Amino acid sequence: MTRSTRSRSVALLDGPAPPRLLVAPAARANSWEDVADLAAGLGMPLDDWQEQVLQAAMGERADGRWAAKFVGVSAPRQNGKSQIIVARELAGVLLFGERMIIISAHETDTAREVWTRLIDVIESNPTLEARVSARMNAVNREQLTFGVGDEKQVIKLKARSRSGSRGFSADCLLLDEGQILGKQAWGSIVPTISAMPNPQIWLFGTPPTTADDPFAFSRLRESSKDHAPRHCWLEWSAGDQDDIDDPDVWARANPAFGVRVSYETCVDERGKLDDDQFRLERLGMWAGAVVRRVIPAQSWDDAGDEQSVAVDRFALGVEVGKDQECASVALAGQRADGAWHVELDDQRQGAGWVPTYVEALVLANPQIRAVVCDVGGPVAALCEQRAGVWWLKGSKVRVTPVTVKELGSACSQLLVGVVDGSVRHTRQPQLSVAVSIATKRALQDSGMWVWSR
């Protein structure tokens, strides 16, 4: 290995490094300058790259709600992610009227570091400190209260574990160490904000190691890259083809290079870490999405056709989440050129809407030949048998149940169809996100597989 012999400690770019990945939803207005001005007024001026994060994340829709409900920030350590957290939580109290703001990290020391920064800012500003009506600093019980009664606002530090994270209901949830936020914990966090009128969840972190369970961070990254609605992602990292010994690459991967991260620090780490460690820890390089794609991204993109439409052999498929939290109705049919067309017809919270909706759809479109359901799964709650025939409950819609063998065959045929070009879709964001995270579940002793729920 040949290392650079250049010795320089200045930033190598004209201004801060732009993110290598940036996905931000369209917005009608933006509050980022207000947040940056507030932080500066409190004696905590933000770096240009930190302001860029705010600009991507703080967009507002025409209805006043956040354009981005989920925000992810991936950058190497020591670049200043904690300062963004402090600025966002103070803005929540002082600018946005948020009643509950929760900060959390997997490690207590990491969470306490953010908490200490917050307290330092408050104690350095007497006017702000005067607004604090109650304060608790006990470990794992940290809490700041502003105001009283109906005007009360709370910033709380909350521990989380790998196994679960109940009680995270908040207007703004700021989760540090996002790369250590597994599936079970994420599954218990997200529903807690569903009832909030305008929630926002932030995940901050670094690329995961092989020992981490980064389900949430990895999923947010992949969903954002597939342009899922209300998803935002910013990532500072080196590219796969970059020379990891080039200081210019170091500067591009570290937005605070020359400010918080020095050239000497990078040289020192390069000597102490092996190649993989240096790529991960200092260059922010992801080894690959932890949620491995079954359907290749390029094949799915090649199968996209915004003008695609089915003209014959129509069928509907109905599926329900395992906790009945949402349901989807999909359409498949054959195109005029013989290829198969698939699309998401509708998707909503809950499942009770499905029978009435599908019945109206079938009555209005007699060319629909079948309504297909896996009656061995959660959708069974919407189905009933009458005289040995399956129907959607309370409707006149007859259900075509699929056997396990038929389901396995269909899953394989879909994969093959996307790869060989015989299946087309219209580039719907929800469907693209689902495809990006879809994994296989083996059917015991059959040699077949189906899509994992």
Protein backbone atom coordinates (compact mmCIF):
# COMPACT_ATOMS: atom_id res chain seq x y z
CA MET A 1 0.00 0.00 0.00
CA THR A 2 1.32 3.46 -0.91
CA ARG A 3 0.27 6.31 1.33
CA SER A 4 0.32 10.00 0.46
CA THR A 5 3.37 11.89 1.71
CA ARG A 6 1.70 15.27 1.43
CA SER A 7 1.66 17.20 4.68
CA ARG A 8 -1.10 19.73 4.90
CA SER A 9 -3.60 20.70 7.53
CA VAL A 10 -5.88 23.01 5.62
CA ALA A 11 -9.28 22.29 4.13
CA LEU A 12 -8.72 21.13 0.55
CA LEU A 13 -12.08 22.24 -0.85
CA ASP A 14 -13.47 25.65 -1.66
CA GLY A 15 -16.04 25.63 1.12
CA PRO A 16 -17.58 22.69 2.98
CA ALA A 17 -17.89 19.33 1.28
CA PRO A 18 -21.34 18.77 -0.21
CA PRO A 19 -23.08 15.52 0.72
CA ARG A 20 -22.40 12.63 -1.62
CA LEU A 21 -26.04 11.61 -1.22
CA LEU A 22 -28.79 14.19 -0.79
CA VAL A 23 -32.50 13.47 -0.97
CA ALA A 24 -34.97 16.11 0.20
CA PRO A 25 -38.71 16.42 -0.50
CA ALA A 26 -40.08 19.47 -2.26
CA ALA A 27 -41.35 22.21 0.05
CA ARG A 28 -43.35 25.43 -0.16
CA ALA A 29 -41.46 27.19 2.65
CA ASN A 30 -38.43 26.54 4.84
CA SER A 31 -37.54 27.32 8.45
CA TRP A 32 -33.84 26.49 8.31
CA GLU A 33 -32.64 30.10 8.45
CA ASP A 34 -34.73 30.74 11.56
CA VAL A 35 -33.10 27.74 13.25
CA ALA A 36 -29.61 28.83 12.20
CA ASP A 37 -30.24 32.42 13.39
CA LEU A 38 -31.54 31.12 16.71
CA ALA A 39 -28.47 28.95 17.22
CA ALA A 40 -26.14 31.84 16.39
CA GLY A 41 -28.04 34.15 18.74
CA LEU A 42 -27.55 31.63 21.54
CA GLY A 43 -23.80 31.58 20.98
CA MET A 44 -23.75 28.36 18.97
CA PRO A 45 -23.14 29.34 15.33
CA LEU A 46 -23.55 26.44 12.94
CA ASP A 47 -21.13 25.28 10.29
CA ASP A 48 -22.18 25.60 6.66
CA TRP A 49 -22.70 21.85 6.39
CA GLN A 50 -24.92 21.84 9.48
CA GLU A 51 -27.04 24.58 7.92
CA GLN A 52 -27.26 22.49 4.76
CA VAL A 53 -28.73 19.64 6.82
CA LEU A 54 -31.33 22.01 8.25
CA GLN A 55 -32.17 23.37 4.81
CA ALA A 56 -32.87 19.85 3.51
CA ALA A 57 -34.87 18.79 6.57
CA MET A 58 -36.85 21.86 7.62
CA GLY A 59 -38.98 22.35 4.52
CA GLU A 60 -42.72 22.88 5.05
CA ARG A 61 -45.67 21.85 2.89
CA ALA A 62 -48.53 24.12 1.92
CA ASP A 63 -50.54 22.81 4.89
CA GLY A 64 -47.78 23.85 7.31
CA ARG A 65 -46.62 20.32 8.10
CA TRP A 66 -43.03 19.18 7.70
CA ALA A 67 -42.24 18.07 4.16
CA ALA A 68 -39.86 15.48 5.65
CA LYS A 69 -41.28 13.28 8.38
CA PHE A 70 -38.16 11.09 8.49
CA VAL A 71 -34.68 12.64 8.33
CA GLY A 72 -31.42 10.68 8.21
CA VAL A 73 -27.90 12.10 8.54
CA SER A 74 -24.88 9.84 8.01
CA ALA A 75 -21.40 11.32 8.47
CA PRO A 76 -18.12 10.20 10.02
CA ARG A 77 -17.58 10.80 13.72
CA GLN A 78 -16.52 14.13 15.24
CA ASN A 79 -17.96 16.28 12.44
CA GLY A 80 -20.57 17.95 14.66
CA LYS A 81 -23.82 16.02 14.43
CA SER A 82 -24.52 16.70 18.12
CA GLN A 83 -24.69 20.44 17.49
CA ILE A 84 -27.48 19.91 14.95
CA ILE A 85 -29.43 17.96 17.58
CA VAL A 86 -29.10 20.78 20.12
CA ALA A 87 -30.12 23.41 17.55
CA ARG A 88 -33.17 21.38 16.46
CA GLU A 89 -34.44 20.71 19.98
CA LEU A 90 -34.12 24.35 21.04
CA ALA A 91 -35.88 25.44 17.87
CA GLY A 92 -38.66 23.00 18.68
CA VAL A 93 -39.29 24.78 21.95
CA LEU A 94 -38.59 28.39 21.00
CA LEU A 95 -39.77 28.53 17.38
CA PHE A 96 -42.17 25.69 16.63
CA GLY A 97 -44.14 25.31 19.86
CA GLU A 98 -43.47 21.58 20.10
CA ARG A 99 -44.69 20.16 23.41
CA MET A 100 -42.53 17.06 23.70
CA ILE A 101 -39.03 16.60 22.29
CA ILE A 102 -37.09 13.43 23.00
CA ILE A 103 -33.37 12.84 22.53
CA SER A 104 -32.11 9.28 22.60
CA ALA A 105 -28.98 7.26 21.93
CA HIS A 106 -28.08 3.64 22.44
CA GLU A 107 -25.13 4.45 24.71
CA THR A 108 -25.72 6.54 27.83
CA ASP A 109 -22.43 8.39 27.36
CA THR A 110 -23.44 9.52 23.88
CA ALA A 111 -26.82 10.74 25.08
CA ARG A 112 -25.25 12.55 28.04
CA GLU A 113 -22.82 14.33 25.69
CA VAL A 114 -25.73 15.87 23.79
CA TRP A 115 -27.47 16.68 27.07
CA THR A 116 -24.37 18.44 28.40
CA ARG A 117 -24.13 20.56 25.25
CA LEU A 118 -27.77 21.56 25.67
CA ILE A 119 -27.32 22.53 29.32
CA ASP A 120 -24.19 24.54 28.47
CA VAL A 121 -26.13 26.61 25.93
CA ILE A 122 -29.00 27.22 28.35
CA GLU A 123 -26.72 28.22 31.22
CA SER A 124 -24.84 30.59 28.92
CA ASN A 125 -28.05 32.46 28.10
CA PRO A 126 -29.77 33.87 31.23
CA THR A 127 -32.91 34.87 29.33
CA LEU A 128 -33.32 31.32 28.06
CA GLU A 129 -32.47 29.82 31.44
CA ALA A 130 -35.19 31.96 33.04
CA ARG A 131 -37.76 30.14 30.88
CA VAL A 132 -36.86 26.78 32.42
CA SER A 133 -39.54 25.96 34.99
CA ALA A 134 -38.13 22.58 36.08
CA ARG A 135 -34.95 20.61 35.56
CA MET A 136 -33.90 17.06 36.36
CA ASN A 137 -30.33 15.89 35.81
CA ALA A 138 -30.39 12.41 37.35
CA VAL A 139 -28.92 9.82 34.99
CA ASN A 140 -31.60 8.24 32.79
CA ARG A 141 -34.17 10.72 34.13
CA GLU A 142 -32.89 13.91 32.48
CA GLN A 143 -35.64 16.37 31.67
CA LEU A 144 -36.09 20.10 31.05
CA THR A 145 -39.48 21.77 31.38
CA PHE A 146 -40.32 25.16 29.93
CA GLY A 147 -43.46 26.92 31.12
CA VAL A 148 -46.31 25.46 33.15
CA GLY A 149 -49.83 24.14 32.67
CA ASP A 150 -51.16 24.22 29.13
CA GLU A 151 -48.03 26.07 28.00
CA LYS A 152 -45.64 23.40 29.27
CA GLN A 153 -42.97 22.14 26.89
CA VAL A 154 -40.55 19.30 27.67
CA ILE A 155 -37.17 18.18 26.39
CA LYS A 156 -36.42 14.70 27.64
CA LEU A 157 -33.42 12.39 27.42
CA LYS A 158 -34.60 8.82 27.09
CA ALA A 159 -32.66 5.58 27.07
CA ARG A 160 -33.38 2.94 24.46
CA SER A 161 -32.47 -0.68 24.13
CA ARG A 162 -32.09 -3.20 21.35
CA SER A 163 -35.23 -5.00 22.43
CA GLY A 164 -37.75 -2.19 22.49
CA SER A 165 -38.41 1.51 22.99
CA ARG A 166 -41.95 2.12 24.15
CA GLY A 167 -43.05 5.55 25.34
CA PHE A 168 -41.33 7.56 22.62
CA SER A 169 -44.39 9.63 21.69
CA ALA A 170 -43.13 13.09 20.80
CA ASP A 171 -43.51 15.97 18.37
CA CYS A 172 -39.82 15.66 17.56
CA LEU A 173 -37.71 12.56 18.09
CA LEU A 174 -33.92 12.92 17.77
CA LEU A 175 -32.21 9.52 17.68
CA ASP A 176 -28.44 9.46 17.79
CA GLU A 177 -26.45 6.30 16.99
CA GLY A 178 -29.02 5.37 14.37
CA GLN A 179 -26.77 2.57 13.16
CA ILE A 180 -27.61 0.69 16.37
CA LEU A 181 -31.39 0.88 16.03
CA GLY A 182 -32.72 -2.55 15.22
CA LYS A 183 -35.98 -3.78 13.78
CA GLN A 184 -37.75 -4.48 17.08
CA ALA A 185 -36.85 -1.15 18.64
CA TRP A 186 -37.79 0.73 15.47
CA GLY A 187 -41.07 -1.13 15.29
CA SER A 188 -41.95 0.04 18.79
CA ILE A 189 -40.86 3.65 18.19
CA VAL A 190 -42.59 4.56 14.92
CA PRO A 191 -46.20 3.84 15.98
CA THR A 192 -45.80 6.10 19.04
CA ILE A 193 -45.67 9.20 16.83
CA SER A 194 -48.55 8.21 14.55
CA ALA A 195 -51.13 10.18 16.51
CA MET A 196 -49.05 13.36 16.64
CA PRO A 197 -50.30 16.13 14.31
CA ASN A 198 -46.93 17.07 12.78
CA PRO A 199 -44.15 14.76 13.98
CA GLN A 200 -40.58 14.58 12.77
CA ILE A 201 -38.09 11.77 13.44
CA TRP A 202 -34.36 12.35 12.98
CA LEU A 203 -31.76 9.57 12.82
CA PHE A 204 -28.09 10.50 13.14
CA GLY A 205 -25.30 7.99 12.77
CA THR A 206 -22.35 6.47 10.99
CA PRO A 207 -22.24 3.47 8.66
CA PRO A 208 -22.97 0.26 10.57
CA THR A 209 -20.39 -2.37 11.42
CA THR A 210 -21.02 -6.07 10.93
CA ALA A 211 -21.84 -6.33 14.64
CA ASP A 212 -24.63 -3.72 14.49
CA ASP A 213 -28.33 -4.20 13.84
CA PRO A 214 -29.01 -1.07 11.76
CA PHE A 215 -32.48 -1.94 10.45
CA ALA A 216 -33.90 1.57 10.91
CA PHE A 217 -30.89 3.50 9.57
CA SER A 218 -30.39 1.20 6.61
CA ARG A 219 -34.08 1.16 5.76
CA LEU A 220 -34.33 4.95 5.89
CA ARG A 221 -31.29 5.21 3.62
CA GLU A 222 -32.70 2.82 1.03
CA SER A 223 -36.20 4.31 1.20
CA SER A 224 -34.85 7.81 0.69
CA LYS A 225 -32.73 6.71 -2.26
CA ASP A 226 -35.95 5.32 -3.76
CA HIS A 227 -37.60 8.72 -3.13
CA ALA A 228 -40.17 7.54 -0.64
CA PRO A 229 -42.63 10.33 0.25
CA ARG A 230 -41.58 12.56 3.17
CA HIS A 231 -38.11 10.97 3.47
CA CYS A 232 -34.90 12.99 3.68
CA TRP A 233 -31.33 11.70 3.67
CA LEU A 234 -27.93 13.39 3.72
CA GLU A 235 -24.72 11.37 3.59
CA TRP A 236 -21.11 12.43 3.62
CA SER A 237 -18.90 9.58 2.45
CA ALA A 238 -16.21 8.55 -0.01
CA GLY A 239 -17.16 6.75 -3.20
CA ASP A 240 -16.33 3.13 -3.94
CA GLN A 241 -13.71 4.12 -6.52
CA ASP A 242 -12.05 6.83 -4.42
CA ASP A 243 -8.43 6.54 -3.29
CA ILE A 244 -8.67 6.21 0.49
CA ASP A 245 -5.12 7.58 0.88
CA ASP A 246 -5.92 10.85 -0.91
CA PRO A 247 -6.43 13.83 1.46
CA ASP A 248 -8.84 15.32 -1.07
CA VAL A 249 -11.05 12.28 -0.49
CA TRP A 250 -10.73 12.77 3.28
CA ALA A 251 -11.93 16.35 2.87
CA ARG A 252 -14.94 15.35 0.76
CA ALA A 253 -16.02 12.66 3.22
CA ASN A 254 -15.75 14.91 6.30
CA PRO A 255 -17.84 18.10 6.07
CA ALA A 256 -15.99 19.59 9.06
CA PHE A 257 -12.54 18.82 7.63
CA GLY A 258 -10.15 21.58 8.64
CA VAL A 259 -12.53 22.71 11.38
CA ARG A 260 -13.36 19.83 13.73
CA VAL A 261 -11.57 17.05 11.86
CA SER A 262 -7.94 17.91 11.13
CA TYR A 263 -5.57 16.56 8.52
CA GLU A 264 -3.34 15.29 11.33
CA THR A 265 -6.27 13.35 12.84
CA CYS A 266 -6.87 11.60 9.54
CA VAL A 267 -3.18 10.79 9.13
CA ASP A 268 -3.07 9.37 12.64
CA GLU A 269 -6.18 7.24 12.12
CA ARG A 270 -4.92 6.02 8.75
CA GLY A 271 -1.87 4.62 10.49
CA LYS A 272 -3.82 2.95 13.29
CA LEU A 273 -6.84 1.53 11.41
CA ASP A 274 -6.89 -1.10 8.72
CA ASP A 275 -8.40 -0.28 5.32
CA ASP A 276 -11.93 -1.43 6.17
CA GLN A 277 -11.94 0.37 9.52
CA PHE A 278 -10.70 3.59 7.95
CA ARG A 279 -13.32 3.42 5.18
CA LEU A 280 -16.05 2.96 7.76
CA GLU A 281 -14.99 5.24 10.61
CA ARG A 282 -13.33 8.17 8.82
CA LEU A 283 -14.64 8.02 5.26
CA GLY A 284 -18.25 7.14 6.11
CA MET A 285 -18.38 4.36 3.52
CA TRP A 286 -21.27 1.92 3.73
CA ALA A 287 -20.30 -1.69 3.10
CA GLY A 288 -23.69 -2.18 1.47
CA ALA A 289 -27.28 -2.02 2.62
CA VAL A 290 -27.90 -4.41 5.48
CA VAL A 291 -31.30 -5.11 3.98
CA ARG A 292 -30.02 -6.98 0.94
CA ARG A 293 -32.06 -6.49 -2.21
CA VAL A 294 -33.57 -9.60 -3.72
CA ILE A 295 -34.86 -7.77 -6.80
CA PRO A 296 -31.83 -6.02 -8.35
CA ALA A 297 -32.10 -2.23 -8.32
CA GLN A 298 -31.08 -1.93 -11.98
CA SER A 299 -33.61 -4.54 -13.09
CA TRP A 300 -36.40 -2.79 -11.20
CA ASP A 301 -35.41 0.57 -12.68
CA ASP A 302 -35.27 -0.91 -16.19
CA ALA A 303 -38.78 -2.35 -15.69
CA GLY A 304 -40.17 1.11 -14.94
CA ASP A 305 -42.57 2.61 -17.49
CA GLU A 306 -44.71 5.57 -16.43
CA GLN A 307 -47.01 4.94 -19.40
CA SER A 308 -47.56 1.26 -18.64
CA VAL A 309 -51.17 0.11 -18.54
CA ALA A 310 -52.91 -3.27 -18.43
CA VAL A 311 -55.64 -4.07 -20.95
CA ASP A 312 -56.62 -7.66 -20.11
CA ARG A 313 -56.57 -10.47 -17.51
CA PHE A 314 -57.01 -8.14 -14.55
CA ALA A 315 -56.66 -9.37 -10.97
CA LEU A 316 -56.49 -7.72 -7.58
CA GLY A 317 -54.31 -8.78 -4.69
CA VAL A 318 -55.12 -7.84 -1.09
CA GLU A 319 -52.62 -7.91 1.76
CA VAL A 320 -52.74 -6.71 5.37
CA GLY A 321 -49.96 -5.88 7.83
CA LYS A 322 -49.42 -8.43 10.57
CA ASP A 323 -50.91 -6.11 13.22
CA GLN A 324 -53.73 -4.91 10.94
CA GLU A 325 -52.05 -1.48 11.00
CA CYS A 326 -52.38 -0.99 7.25
CA ALA A 327 -53.65 -2.72 4.15
CA SER A 328 -52.82 -2.64 0.45
CA VAL A 329 -54.72 -3.42 -2.72
CA ALA A 330 -52.59 -4.18 -5.78
CA LEU A 331 -53.54 -4.61 -9.44
CA ALA A 332 -51.99 -6.92 -12.01
CA GLY A 333 -52.90 -7.38 -15.64
CA GLN A 334 -51.54 -8.05 -19.10
CA ARG A 335 -50.46 -5.27 -21.41
CA ALA A 336 -51.14 -5.08 -25.12
CA ASP A 337 -47.56 -6.20 -25.82
CA GLY A 338 -47.99 -9.33 -23.69
CA ALA A 339 -45.89 -8.13 -20.76
CA TRP A 340 -47.39 -8.08 -17.27
CA HIS A 341 -48.27 -4.82 -15.53
CA VAL A 342 -48.26 -4.43 -11.73
CA GLU A 343 -49.20 -1.41 -9.63
CA LEU A 344 -50.31 -0.42 -6.16
CA ASP A 345 -53.98 0.54 -6.42
CA ASP A 346 -54.39 1.87 -2.87
CA GLN A 347 -52.79 1.69 0.55
CA ARG A 348 -54.24 3.07 3.80
CA GLN A 349 -53.97 2.79 7.55
CA GLY A 350 -56.13 0.12 9.13
CA ALA A 351 -57.81 -2.71 7.26
CA GLY A 352 -61.56 -2.23 7.73
CA TRP A 353 -61.86 -0.14 4.58
CA VAL A 354 -60.83 -2.98 2.27
CA PRO A 355 -64.08 -5.01 1.71
CA THR A 356 -66.19 -1.98 0.79
CA TYR A 357 -63.44 -0.51 -1.37
CA VAL A 358 -62.73 -3.72 -3.28
CA GLU A 359 -66.44 -4.44 -3.77
CA ALA A 360 -66.93 -1.02 -5.36
CA LEU A 361 -63.87 -1.58 -7.54
CA VAL A 362 -65.08 -4.98 -8.75
CA LEU A 363 -68.61 -3.75 -9.46
CA ALA A 364 -67.26 -0.83 -11.48
CA ASN A 365 -64.78 -3.00 -13.39
CA PRO A 366 -66.31 -6.33 -14.45
CA GLN A 367 -63.12 -7.22 -16.34
CA ILE A 368 -61.44 -7.98 -12.97
CA ARG A 369 -61.23 -11.77 -13.00
CA ALA A 370 -60.09 -12.51 -9.45
CA VAL A 371 -59.42 -11.05 -6.03
CA VAL A 372 -56.47 -13.01 -4.66
CA CYS A 373 -55.68 -13.40 -0.95
CA ASP A 374 -53.27 -15.48 1.08
CA VAL A 375 -55.91 -16.64 3.56
CA GLY A 376 -53.20 -18.27 5.65
CA GLY A 377 -51.85 -14.81 6.53
CA PRO A 378 -53.13 -11.65 8.29
CA VAL A 379 -55.59 -10.89 5.48
CA ALA A 380 -57.65 -13.86 6.75
CA ALA A 381 -59.20 -11.44 9.25
CA LEU A 382 -61.00 -9.80 6.31
CA CYS A 383 -62.21 -13.08 4.80
CA GLU A 384 -64.92 -15.59 5.64
CA GLN A 385 -66.11 -18.91 4.27
CA ARG A 386 -69.68 -19.41 3.18
CA ALA A 387 -70.62 -22.90 2.02
CA GLY A 388 -66.97 -23.72 1.41
CA VAL A 389 -66.31 -20.57 -0.64
CA TRP A 390 -64.12 -17.67 0.50
CA TRP A 391 -65.53 -14.12 0.45
CA LEU A 392 -64.48 -10.71 1.70
CA LYS A 393 -66.47 -10.18 4.88
CA GLY A 394 -69.79 -8.43 4.46
CA SER A 395 -69.43 -8.15 0.70
CA LYS A 396 -70.32 -9.90 -2.53
CA VAL A 397 -66.68 -10.25 -3.54
CA ARG A 398 -65.52 -13.82 -3.96
CA VAL A 399 -61.92 -14.45 -2.89
CA THR A 400 -59.47 -16.67 -4.74
CA PRO A 401 -57.27 -18.21 -2.03
CA VAL A 402 -53.71 -19.18 -2.92
CA THR A 403 -51.98 -22.27 -1.69
CA VAL A 404 -48.47 -22.16 -0.27
CA LYS A 405 -47.15 -23.79 -3.45
CA GLU A 406 -48.93 -21.23 -5.64
CA LEU A 407 -47.63 -18.39 -3.51
CA GLY A 408 -44.06 -19.63 -3.76
CA SER A 409 -44.36 -20.03 -7.51
CA ALA A 410 -45.81 -16.53 -7.89
CA CYS A 411 -42.99 -14.95 -5.87
CA SER A 412 -40.39 -16.60 -8.05
CA GLN A 413 -42.24 -15.63 -11.23
CA LEU A 414 -42.34 -11.99 -10.16
CA LEU A 415 -38.58 -11.96 -9.56
CA VAL A 416 -37.87 -13.65 -12.89
CA GLY A 417 -40.31 -11.35 -14.68
CA VAL A 418 -38.63 -8.19 -13.41
CA VAL A 419 -35.19 -9.49 -14.33
CA ASP A 420 -36.12 -10.72 -17.83
CA GLY A 421 -38.28 -7.68 -18.64
CA SER A 422 -41.67 -9.39 -18.80
CA VAL A 423 -43.01 -7.41 -15.81
CA ARG A 424 -43.53 -3.63 -15.91
CA HIS A 425 -44.46 -1.03 -13.30
CA THR A 426 -45.15 2.72 -13.23
CA ARG A 427 -42.38 3.77 -10.79
CA GLN A 428 -44.69 4.30 -7.80
CA PRO A 429 -42.55 5.37 -4.81
CA GLN A 430 -44.38 3.09 -2.35
CA LEU A 431 -43.87 0.05 -4.56
CA SER A 432 -40.23 0.89 -5.24
CA VAL A 433 -39.55 1.22 -1.51
CA ALA A 434 -41.24 -2.11 -0.80
CA VAL A 435 -39.15 -3.79 -3.50
CA SER A 436 -35.91 -2.25 -2.18
CA ILE A 437 -36.36 -3.85 1.26
CA ALA A 438 -38.10 -7.09 0.27
CA THR A 439 -36.37 -10.23 1.54
CA LYS A 440 -36.96 -13.95 1.11
CA ARG A 441 -38.48 -16.37 3.62
CA ALA A 442 -37.76 -20.03 2.97
CA LEU A 443 -40.68 -22.47 3.01
CA GLN A 444 -39.62 -25.35 5.20
CA ASP A 445 -38.76 -28.62 3.44
CA SER A 446 -40.10 -27.41 0.10
CA GLY A 447 -37.09 -25.77 -1.55
CA MET A 448 -39.35 -22.79 -2.28
CA TRP A 449 -39.49 -19.28 -0.84
CA VAL A 450 -41.94 -16.42 -0.48
CA TRP A 451 -41.51 -12.75 0.33
CA SER A 452 -40.87 -12.16 4.02
CA ARG A 453 -43.60 -10.18 5.76
